[in-house]
Amino acid sequence: MSFHVLPLLLLLHLVARLPASTPAPAVVTHLPGFDGPLPFHLETGYVGVEEETGTELFYYFVESERSPGTDPVILWLTGGPRCSGFCGMVFQVGPINFVVAPYNGSLPQLVYNPYSWSKIASIIFLDTPVGAGFSYAHDPKGYDVGDISSSWQVVTFLDKWFSDHPRYASNPFYIGGTSYAGKVVPLIAQYISQGNEQRRQDEINLKGYLVGNPITGLRFDDFNSRIPYGHGVGIISDQLYEVIPYSYVLTKSSDKIMDLVFLFLFLFKGCNGEL
């Protein structure tokens, strides 16, 4: 179904994007594939984070459905890196979900998610680093960013976003994310905390951060547990698991491990037609 999400995103982009000379964000009231007006407040827009390269970060802002004046504001980042924030809005903690159904050539359908975090918090879904989703740079050099430089761009984004949305500035603020975002969420939190202490920016009411299934680094991520886990939940069969030399798993890098697993999967599927 992912191949058919693109038209929806392009249409969303056309609905949301304003002329370059107009800095104001856009309020989106309808989405292709969603029946009727949206039952929540959705704002989209761009924020410039680097003048030299013309880097603009795109965001989706979903206002809390409970008490937006006092409820927390969450910045939610996805993994990849360079997965769109739209993924977080429709697949993770946001207020809409895709209808899971066989593709029949029509537009994918969207439905309201009654378990959305927007029930109790306002959420900013951000396309970061530049190149993710609709975020872009006028100068190709702007796409050459790493974890540190992109994290500073997120801090710049937040400083400008709260300046443009002062009614949320005093709300409790949290940073969250999954997968690769586990590497940058703590970094962004540290930069904000240091900026507050040193008064480098208007104070952001940072209260904490949260990460789910985070990547942190090869020194800390337990890649070796993937084989026993895959076997334990039935992804790897008993037959395949018994022929994987476990001592090899414990001593080799994750790339070598996965190469070995894929080799066994290929051989077993080629010989038996099934796993």
C-alpha atoms as a PDB file:
ATOM      1  CA  MET A   1       0.000   0.000   0.000  1.00  0.00           C
ATOM      2  CA  SER A   2       2.977   2.319   0.494  1.00  0.00           C
ATOM      3  CA  PHE A   3       3.238   2.943  -3.260  1.00  0.00           C
ATOM      4  CA  HIS A   4      -0.272   4.381  -3.217  1.00  0.00           C
ATOM      5  CA  VAL A   5       0.316   6.708  -0.280  1.00  0.00           C
ATOM      6  CA  LEU A   6       2.313   9.069  -2.517  1.00  0.00           C
ATOM      7  CA  PRO A   7      -0.715  10.581  -4.307  1.00  0.00           C
ATOM      8  CA  LEU A   8      -2.303  11.270  -0.924  1.00  0.00           C
ATOM      9  CA  LEU A   9       0.834  13.019   0.320  1.00  0.00           C
ATOM     10  CA  LEU A  10       1.124  15.071  -2.857  1.00  0.00           C
ATOM     11  CA  LEU A  11      -2.482  16.167  -2.539  1.00  0.00           C
ATOM     12  CA  LEU A  12      -1.949  17.013   1.122  1.00  0.00           C
ATOM     13  CA  HIS A  13       1.076  19.058   0.135  1.00  0.00           C
ATOM     14  CA  LEU A  14      -0.931  20.977  -2.454  1.00  0.00           C
ATOM     15  CA  VAL A  15      -3.682  21.666   0.062  1.00  0.00           C
ATOM     16  CA  ALA A  16      -1.313  22.762   2.809  1.00  0.00           C
ATOM     17  CA  ARG A  17       1.475  24.653   1.076  1.00  0.00           C
ATOM     18  CA  LEU A  18       1.185  28.406   0.652  1.00  0.00           C
ATOM     19  CA  PRO A  19       3.119  30.644  -1.740  1.00  0.00           C
ATOM     20  CA  ALA A  20       6.751  31.166  -0.749  1.00  0.00           C
ATOM     21  CA  SER A  21       6.108  34.858  -0.098  1.00  0.00           C
ATOM     22  CA  THR A  22       3.478  34.025   2.531  1.00  0.00           C
ATOM     23  CA  PRO A  23       5.045  32.849   5.812  1.00  0.00           C
ATOM     24  CA  ALA A  24       1.726  32.074   7.497  1.00  0.00           C
ATOM     25  CA  PRO A  25       0.881  28.398   8.108  1.00  0.00           C
ATOM     26  CA  ALA A  26      -2.198  26.713   6.649  1.00  0.00           C
ATOM     27  CA  VAL A  27      -5.107  25.142   8.504  1.00  0.00           C
ATOM     28  CA  VAL A  28      -6.162  21.890   6.851  1.00  0.00           C
ATOM     29  CA  THR A  29      -9.827  20.990   7.309  1.00  0.00           C
ATOM     30  CA  HIS A  30     -10.156  18.111   4.821  1.00  0.00           C
ATOM     31  CA  LEU A  31      -7.875  15.305   3.670  1.00  0.00           C
ATOM     32  CA  PRO A  32      -8.256  13.103   0.585  1.00  0.00           C
ATOM     33  CA  GLY A  33      -9.533   9.716   1.712  1.00  0.00           C
ATOM     34  CA  PHE A  34     -11.109  11.026   4.930  1.00  0.00           C
ATOM     35  CA  ASP A  35     -14.893  11.194   5.024  1.00  0.00           C
ATOM     36  CA  GLY A  36     -16.008  14.706   5.956  1.00  0.00           C
ATOM     37  CA  PRO A  37     -14.182  17.500   7.773  1.00  0.00           C
ATOM     38  CA  LEU A  38     -11.381  16.571  10.143  1.00  0.00           C
ATOM     39  CA  PRO A  39     -12.574  16.271  13.765  1.00  0.00           C
ATOM     40  CA  PHE A  40      -9.367  17.856  15.030  1.00  0.00           C
ATOM     41  CA  HIS A  41      -7.338  20.994  14.355  1.00  0.00           C
ATOM     42  CA  LEU A  42      -4.512  20.372  11.860  1.00  0.00           C
ATOM     43  CA  GLU A  43      -2.018  23.056  10.895  1.00  0.00           C
ATOM     44  CA  THR A  44       0.845  22.637   8.434  1.00  0.00           C
ATOM     45  CA  GLY A  45       3.640  24.907   7.356  1.00  0.00           C
ATOM     46  CA  TYR A  46       7.320  25.612   6.875  1.00  0.00           C
ATOM     47  CA  VAL A  47       9.891  27.128   9.215  1.00  0.00           C
ATOM     48  CA  GLY A  48      13.247  28.356   7.939  1.00  0.00           C
ATOM     49  CA  VAL A  49      16.142  26.994   9.964  1.00  0.00           C
ATOM     50  CA  GLU A  50      19.226  27.955   7.937  1.00  0.00           C
ATOM     51  CA  GLU A  51      19.411  31.137   5.908  1.00  0.00           C
ATOM     52  CA  GLU A  52      22.653  30.310   4.063  1.00  0.00           C
ATOM     53  CA  THR A  53      21.263  27.186   2.366  1.00  0.00           C
ATOM     54  CA  GLY A  54      17.603  28.160   2.454  1.00  0.00           C
ATOM     55  CA  THR A  55      16.668  25.121   4.537  1.00  0.00           C
ATOM     56  CA  GLU A  56      12.962  24.874   5.351  1.00  0.00           C
ATOM     57  CA  LEU A  57      11.482  22.236   7.664  1.00  0.00           C
ATOM     58  CA  PHE A  58       7.885  21.151   7.127  1.00  0.00           C
ATOM     59  CA  TYR A  59       5.612  20.307  10.040  1.00  0.00           C
ATOM     60  CA  TYR A  60       2.167  18.976  10.861  1.00  0.00           C
ATOM     61  CA  PHE A  61       0.682  20.356  14.070  1.00  0.00           C
ATOM     62  CA  VAL A  62      -2.277  18.606  15.691  1.00  0.00           C
ATOM     63  CA  GLU A  63      -3.803  20.597  18.525  1.00  0.00           C
ATOM     64  CA  SER A  64      -4.883  18.808  21.680  1.00  0.00           C
ATOM     65  CA  GLU A  65      -8.532  17.777  21.606  1.00  0.00           C
ATOM     66  CA  ARG A  66      -8.878  18.260  25.354  1.00  0.00           C
ATOM     67  CA  SER A  67      -7.396  21.479  26.743  1.00  0.00           C
ATOM     68  CA  PRO A  68      -4.878  22.972  24.274  1.00  0.00           C
ATOM     69  CA  GLY A  69      -4.204  25.961  26.522  1.00  0.00           C
ATOM     70  CA  THR A  70      -2.681  23.797  29.252  1.00  0.00           C
ATOM     71  CA  ASP A  71      -2.052  20.324  27.786  1.00  0.00           C
ATOM     72  CA  PRO A  72       1.537  19.303  26.964  1.00  0.00           C
ATOM     73  CA  VAL A  73       3.090  19.941  23.570  1.00  0.00           C
ATOM     74  CA  ILE A  74       5.020  17.012  22.118  1.00  0.00           C
ATOM     75  CA  LEU A  75       7.544  17.143  19.290  1.00  0.00           C
ATOM     76  CA  TRP A  76       7.375  13.703  17.657  1.00  0.00           C
ATOM     77  CA  LEU A  77      10.207  12.493  15.421  1.00  0.00           C
ATOM     78  CA  THR A  78      10.276   9.381  13.262  1.00  0.00           C
ATOM     79  CA  GLY A  79      13.213   7.155  12.343  1.00  0.00           C
ATOM     80  CA  GLY A  80      15.043   6.320   9.162  1.00  0.00           C
ATOM     81  CA  PRO A  81      16.685   8.750   9.228  1.00  0.00           C
ATOM     82  CA  ARG A  82      14.584  10.854   6.826  1.00  0.00           C
ATOM     83  CA  CYS A  83      11.218   9.187   7.364  1.00  0.00           C
ATOM     84  CA  SER A  84       8.431  11.751   7.070  1.00  0.00           C
ATOM     85  CA  GLY A  85       6.630  13.021  10.136  1.00  0.00           C
ATOM     86  CA  PHE A  86       3.464  11.975   8.301  1.00  0.00           C
ATOM     87  CA  CYS A  87       4.350   8.386   9.250  1.00  0.00           C
ATOM     88  CA  GLY A  88       4.116   9.295  12.925  1.00  0.00           C
ATOM     89  CA  MET A  89       0.769  10.957  12.361  1.00  0.00           C
ATOM     90  CA  VAL A  90      -0.903   7.995  10.609  1.00  0.00           C
ATOM     91  CA  PHE A  91       1.029   4.942  11.839  1.00  0.00           C
ATOM     92  CA  GLN A  92       2.109   5.769  15.389  1.00  0.00           C
ATOM     93  CA  VAL A  93       0.595   8.307  17.790  1.00  0.00           C
ATOM     94  CA  GLY A  94      -1.474  10.609  15.561  1.00  0.00           C
ATOM     95  CA  PRO A  95      -5.220  11.117  15.079  1.00  0.00           C
ATOM     96  CA  ILE A  96      -5.698   9.307  11.757  1.00  0.00           C
ATOM     97  CA  ASN A  97      -5.038   5.789  10.483  1.00  0.00           C
ATOM     98  CA  PHE A  98      -5.163   4.137   7.107  1.00  0.00           C
ATOM     99  CA  VAL A  99      -7.959   1.653   6.539  1.00  0.00           C
ATOM    100  CA  VAL A 100      -6.246  -1.714   6.128  1.00  0.00           C
ATOM    101  CA  ALA A 101      -7.823  -3.261   3.045  1.00  0.00           C
ATOM    102  CA  PRO A 102      -6.712  -4.871  -0.240  1.00  0.00           C
ATOM    103  CA  TYR A 103      -5.822  -2.216  -2.784  1.00  0.00           C
ATOM    104  CA  ASN A 104      -8.514  -1.851  -5.444  1.00  0.00           C
ATOM    105  CA  GLY A 105      -7.132   1.076  -7.433  1.00  0.00           C
ATOM    106  CA  SER A 106      -8.983   3.760  -5.500  1.00  0.00           C
ATOM    107  CA  LEU A 107      -7.648   6.361  -3.088  1.00  0.00           C
ATOM    108  CA  PRO A 108      -6.512   4.897   0.266  1.00  0.00           C
ATOM    109  CA  GLN A 109      -9.061   5.596   2.985  1.00  0.00           C
ATOM    110  CA  LEU A 110      -8.353   7.326   6.277  1.00  0.00           C
ATOM    111  CA  VAL A 111     -10.240   7.002   9.563  1.00  0.00           C
ATOM    112  CA  TYR A 112     -10.113   8.760  12.923  1.00  0.00           C
ATOM    113  CA  ASN A 113      -7.890   7.144  15.560  1.00  0.00           C
ATOM    114  CA  PRO A 114      -9.730   7.232  18.920  1.00  0.00           C
ATOM    115  CA  TYR A 115      -6.496   6.306  20.734  1.00  0.00           C
ATOM    116  CA  SER A 116      -4.470   9.244  19.433  1.00  0.00           C
ATOM    117  CA  TRP A 117      -2.136  11.027  21.818  1.00  0.00           C
ATOM    118  CA  SER A 118      -3.814  14.228  20.624  1.00  0.00           C
ATOM    119  CA  LYS A 119      -6.613  13.314  23.036  1.00  0.00           C
ATOM    120  CA  ILE A 120      -4.421  14.718  25.819  1.00  0.00           C
ATOM    121  CA  ALA A 121      -1.578  16.596  24.102  1.00  0.00           C
ATOM    122  CA  SER A 122      -0.763  18.817  21.154  1.00  0.00           C
ATOM    123  CA  ILE A 123       1.708  17.165  18.775  1.00  0.00           C
ATOM    124  CA  ILE A 124       4.193  18.564  16.265  1.00  0.00           C
ATOM    125  CA  PHE A 125       5.147  15.982  13.632  1.00  0.00           C
ATOM    126  CA  LEU A 126       8.312  17.276  11.991  1.00  0.00           C
ATOM    127  CA  ASP A 127       9.920  16.329   8.676  1.00  0.00           C
ATOM    128  CA  THR A 128      13.555  16.201   9.786  1.00  0.00           C
ATOM    129  CA  PRO A 129      16.369  16.055   8.805  1.00  0.00           C
ATOM    130  CA  VAL A 130      16.084  18.156   5.667  1.00  0.00           C
ATOM    131  CA  GLY A 131      15.150  15.892   2.773  1.00  0.00           C
ATOM    132  CA  ALA A 132      12.559  14.044   4.854  1.00  0.00           C
ATOM    133  CA  GLY A 133       8.994  14.449   3.645  1.00  0.00           C
ATOM    134  CA  PHE A 134       8.413  17.964   2.322  1.00  0.00           C
ATOM    135  CA  SER A 135      11.424  19.582   4.026  1.00  0.00           C
ATOM    136  CA  TYR A 136      13.882  20.977   1.516  1.00  0.00           C
ATOM    137  CA  ALA A 137      16.879  23.238   0.953  1.00  0.00           C
ATOM    138  CA  HIS A 138      17.349  25.720  -1.891  1.00  0.00           C
ATOM    139  CA  ASP A 139      21.067  24.933  -1.967  1.00  0.00           C
ATOM    140  CA  PRO A 140      21.973  21.240  -2.460  1.00  0.00           C
ATOM    141  CA  LYS A 141      24.662  21.701   0.185  1.00  0.00           C
ATOM    142  CA  GLY A 142      21.855  22.086   2.698  1.00  0.00           C
ATOM    143  CA  TYR A 143      21.137  18.355   2.515  1.00  0.00           C
ATOM    144  CA  ASP A 144      24.584  17.522   3.870  1.00  0.00           C
ATOM    145  CA  VAL A 145      23.616  17.284   7.533  1.00  0.00           C
ATOM    146  CA  GLY A 146      24.353  14.815  10.305  1.00  0.00           C
ATOM    147  CA  ASP A 147      22.866  14.048  13.694  1.00  0.00           C
ATOM    148  CA  ILE A 148      24.451  17.068  15.370  1.00  0.00           C
ATOM    149  CA  SER A 149      23.721  19.684  12.712  1.00  0.00           C
ATOM    150  CA  SER A 150      20.166  18.431  12.140  1.00  0.00           C
ATOM    151  CA  SER A 151      19.547  18.501  15.896  1.00  0.00           C
ATOM    152  CA  TRP A 152      20.589  22.147  16.026  1.00  0.00           C
ATOM    153  CA  GLN A 153      18.186  22.817  13.160  1.00  0.00           C
ATOM    154  CA  VAL A 154      15.379  21.260  15.205  1.00  0.00           C
ATOM    155  CA  VAL A 155      16.244  23.574  18.112  1.00  0.00           C
ATOM    156  CA  THR A 156      16.096  26.543  15.717  1.00  0.00           C
ATOM    157  CA  PHE A 157      12.778  25.271  14.414  1.00  0.00           C
ATOM    158  CA  LEU A 158      11.336  25.060  17.929  1.00  0.00           C
ATOM    159  CA  ASP A 159      12.576  28.519  18.875  1.00  0.00           C
ATOM    160  CA  LYS A 160      10.879  30.032  15.824  1.00  0.00           C
ATOM    161  CA  TRP A 161       7.756  27.874  16.074  1.00  0.00           C
ATOM    162  CA  PHE A 162       7.071  28.858  19.679  1.00  0.00           C
ATOM    163  CA  SER A 163       7.719  32.509  18.779  1.00  0.00           C
ATOM    164  CA  ASP A 164       5.018  32.196  16.120  1.00  0.00           C
ATOM    165  CA  HIS A 165       2.729  30.251  18.497  1.00  0.00           C
ATOM    166  CA  PRO A 166       3.187  32.060  21.846  1.00  0.00           C
ATOM    167  CA  ARG A 167      -0.057  30.633  23.287  1.00  0.00           C
ATOM    168  CA  TYR A 168       1.721  27.263  23.673  1.00  0.00           C
ATOM    169  CA  ALA A 169       5.029  28.614  25.014  1.00  0.00           C
ATOM    170  CA  SER A 170       4.205  28.037  28.682  1.00  0.00           C
ATOM    171  CA  ASN A 171       2.772  24.534  28.170  1.00  0.00           C
ATOM    172  CA  PRO A 172       4.841  21.549  29.325  1.00  0.00           C
ATOM    173  CA  PHE A 173       7.002  20.436  26.423  1.00  0.00           C
ATOM    174  CA  TYR A 174       8.295  16.943  25.634  1.00  0.00           C
ATOM    175  CA  ILE A 175      10.351  15.447  22.803  1.00  0.00           C
ATOM    176  CA  GLY A 176       9.578  11.935  21.625  1.00  0.00           C
ATOM    177  CA  GLY A 177      10.417   9.570  18.813  1.00  0.00           C
ATOM    178  CA  THR A 178      11.105   6.048  17.659  1.00  0.00           C
ATOM    179  CA  SER A 179      13.891   4.037  16.059  1.00  0.00           C
ATOM    180  CA  TYR A 180      16.661   6.286  14.689  1.00  0.00           C
ATOM    181  CA  ALA A 181      15.148   9.246  16.538  1.00  0.00           C
ATOM    182  CA  GLY A 182      16.537   7.579  19.670  1.00  0.00           C
ATOM    183  CA  LYS A 183      19.930   9.000  18.666  1.00  0.00           C
ATOM    184  CA  VAL A 184      18.822  12.620  18.278  1.00  0.00           C
ATOM    185  CA  VAL A 185      15.982  13.065  20.790  1.00  0.00           C
ATOM    186  CA  PRO A 186      18.327  13.128  23.835  1.00  0.00           C
ATOM    187  CA  LEU A 187      20.703  15.384  21.908  1.00  0.00           C
ATOM    188  CA  ILE A 188      17.957  17.890  21.112  1.00  0.00           C
ATOM    189  CA  ALA A 189      16.800  17.799  24.728  1.00  0.00           C
ATOM    190  CA  GLN A 190      20.345  18.520  25.892  1.00  0.00           C
ATOM    191  CA  TYR A 191      20.720  21.464  23.492  1.00  0.00           C
ATOM    192  CA  ILE A 192      17.402  22.936  24.656  1.00  0.00           C
ATOM    193  CA  SER A 193      18.332  22.488  28.309  1.00  0.00           C
ATOM    194  CA  GLN A 194      21.711  24.149  27.783  1.00  0.00           C
ATOM    195  CA  GLY A 195      20.091  26.961  25.806  1.00  0.00           C
ATOM    196  CA  ASN A 196      17.631  27.582  28.617  1.00  0.00           C
ATOM    197  CA  GLU A 197      20.414  27.702  31.194  1.00  0.00           C
ATOM    198  CA  GLN A 198      22.600  29.984  29.090  1.00  0.00           C
ATOM    199  CA  ARG A 199      19.644  32.053  27.824  1.00  0.00           C
ATOM    200  CA  ARG A 200      20.643  31.508  24.187  1.00  0.00           C
ATOM    201  CA  GLN A 201      16.970  31.412  23.168  1.00  0.00           C
ATOM    202  CA  ASP A 202      13.544  32.133  24.565  1.00  0.00           C
ATOM    203  CA  GLU A 203      13.030  29.533  27.271  1.00  0.00           C
ATOM    204  CA  ILE A 204      11.325  26.345  26.144  1.00  0.00           C
ATOM    205  CA  ASN A 205       9.383  24.673  28.958  1.00  0.00           C
ATOM    206  CA  LEU A 206      11.139  21.333  28.515  1.00  0.00           C
ATOM    207  CA  LYS A 207       9.922  18.676  30.957  1.00  0.00           C
ATOM    208  CA  GLY A 208      11.474  15.515  29.513  1.00  0.00           C
ATOM    209  CA  TYR A 209      11.848  13.206  26.567  1.00  0.00           C
ATOM    210  CA  LEU A 210      10.729   9.711  25.595  1.00  0.00           C
ATOM    211  CA  VAL A 211      11.929   7.204  23.026  1.00  0.00           C
ATOM    212  CA  GLY A 212      10.398   3.974  21.782  1.00  0.00           C
ATOM    213  CA  ASN A 213      12.394   1.089  20.311  1.00  0.00           C
ATOM    214  CA  PRO A 214      15.346   3.486  20.030  1.00  0.00           C
ATOM    215  CA  ILE A 215      18.604   3.086  18.173  1.00  0.00           C
ATOM    216  CA  THR A 216      21.425   4.397  20.331  1.00  0.00           C
ATOM    217  CA  GLY A 217      24.635   2.969  18.831  1.00  0.00           C
ATOM    218  CA  LEU A 218      26.357  -0.311  18.081  1.00  0.00           C
ATOM    219  CA  ARG A 219      28.047  -0.277  21.502  1.00  0.00           C
ATOM    220  CA  PHE A 220      24.674  -0.360  23.228  1.00  0.00           C
ATOM    221  CA  ASP A 221      22.079  -1.872  20.876  1.00  0.00           C
ATOM    222  CA  ASP A 222      21.744  -5.602  21.498  1.00  0.00           C
ATOM    223  CA  PHE A 223      21.678  -6.779  17.884  1.00  0.00           C
ATOM    224  CA  ASN A 224      22.714 -10.252  18.977  1.00  0.00           C
ATOM    225  CA  SER A 225      19.316 -10.742  20.611  1.00  0.00           C
ATOM    226  CA  ARG A 226      17.542 -10.526  17.269  1.00  0.00           C
ATOM    227  CA  ILE A 227      18.117 -14.150  16.333  1.00  0.00           C
ATOM    228  CA  PRO A 228      16.791 -15.672  19.602  1.00  0.00           C
ATOM    229  CA  TYR A 229      13.933 -13.164  19.586  1.00  0.00           C
ATOM    230  CA  GLY A 230      13.020 -13.980  15.977  1.00  0.00           C
ATOM    231  CA  HIS A 231      12.986 -17.647  16.898  1.00  0.00           C
ATOM    232  CA  GLY A 232      10.988 -17.040  20.052  1.00  0.00           C
ATOM    233  CA  VAL A 233       8.154 -15.252  18.240  1.00  0.00           C
ATOM    234  CA  GLY A 234       8.072 -17.700  15.349  1.00  0.00           C
ATOM    235  CA  ILE A 235       9.691 -15.597  12.629  1.00  0.00           C
ATOM    236  CA  ILE A 236      12.621 -18.025  12.417  1.00  0.00           C
ATOM    237  CA  SER A 237      11.633 -21.679  12.329  1.00  0.00           C
ATOM    238  CA  ASP A 238      13.030 -24.324  14.683  1.00  0.00           C
ATOM    239  CA  GLN A 239      14.723 -25.982  11.712  1.00  0.00           C
ATOM    240  CA  LEU A 240      16.481 -22.793  10.649  1.00  0.00           C
ATOM    241  CA  TYR A 241      17.379 -21.790  14.206  1.00  0.00           C
ATOM    242  CA  GLU A 242      19.039 -25.132  14.896  1.00  0.00           C
ATOM    243  CA  VAL A 243      21.449 -24.767  11.963  1.00  0.00           C
ATOM    244  CA  ILE A 244      22.503 -21.191  12.745  1.00  0.00           C
ATOM    245  CA  PRO A 245      25.849 -21.414  14.580  1.00  0.00           C
ATOM    246  CA  TYR A 246      24.946 -19.436  17.698  1.00  0.00           C
ATOM    247  CA  SER A 247      28.574 -18.930  18.661  1.00  0.00           C
ATOM    248  CA  TYR A 248      28.926 -17.076  15.360  1.00  0.00           C
ATOM    249  CA  VAL A 249      25.971 -14.891  16.291  1.00  0.00           C
ATOM    250  CA  LEU A 250      27.573 -13.933  19.590  1.00  0.00           C
ATOM    251  CA  THR A 251      30.908 -12.944  18.119  1.00  0.00           C
ATOM    252  CA  LYS A 252      30.181 -11.286  14.778  1.00  0.00           C
ATOM    253  CA  SER A 253      28.794  -7.890  13.814  1.00  0.00           C
ATOM    254  CA  SER A 254      25.097  -7.379  13.166  1.00  0.00           C
ATOM    255  CA  ASP A 255      25.703  -7.043   9.409  1.00  0.00           C
ATOM    256  CA  LYS A 256      27.424 -10.440   9.327  1.00  0.00           C
ATOM    257  CA  ILE A 257      24.605 -11.946  11.387  1.00  0.00           C
ATOM    258  CA  MET A 258      21.878 -10.682   9.104  1.00  0.00           C
ATOM    259  CA  ASP A 259      23.839 -11.743   5.999  1.00  0.00           C
ATOM    260  CA  LEU A 260      23.958 -15.235   7.455  1.00  0.00           C
ATOM    261  CA  VAL A 261      20.243 -15.249   8.266  1.00  0.00           C
ATOM    262  CA  PHE A 262      19.265 -14.046   4.811  1.00  0.00           C
ATOM    263  CA  LEU A 263      21.504 -16.691   3.257  1.00  0.00           C
ATOM    264  CA  PHE A 264      19.787 -19.440   5.247  1.00  0.00           C
ATOM    265  CA  LEU A 265      16.353 -18.013   4.443  1.00  0.00           C
ATOM    266  CA  PHE A 266      17.220 -17.978   0.744  1.00  0.00           C
ATOM    267  CA  LEU A 267      18.549 -21.519   0.774  1.00  0.00           C
ATOM    268  CA  PHE A 268      15.593 -22.906   2.706  1.00  0.00           C
ATOM    269  CA  LYS A 269      13.057 -21.108   0.564  1.00  0.00           C
ATOM    270  CA  GLY A 270      14.835 -22.190  -2.604  1.00  0.00           C
ATOM    271  CA  CYS A 271      14.912 -25.806  -1.515  1.00  0.00           C
ATOM    272  CA  ASN A 272      11.537 -26.112   0.169  1.00  0.00           C
ATOM    273  CA  GLY A 273       9.466 -23.333  -1.381  1.00  0.00           C
ATOM    274  CA  GLU A 274       8.514 -22.165   2.110  1.00  0.00           C
ATOM    275  CA  LEU A 275      10.109 -21.164   5.434  1.00  0.00           C
END
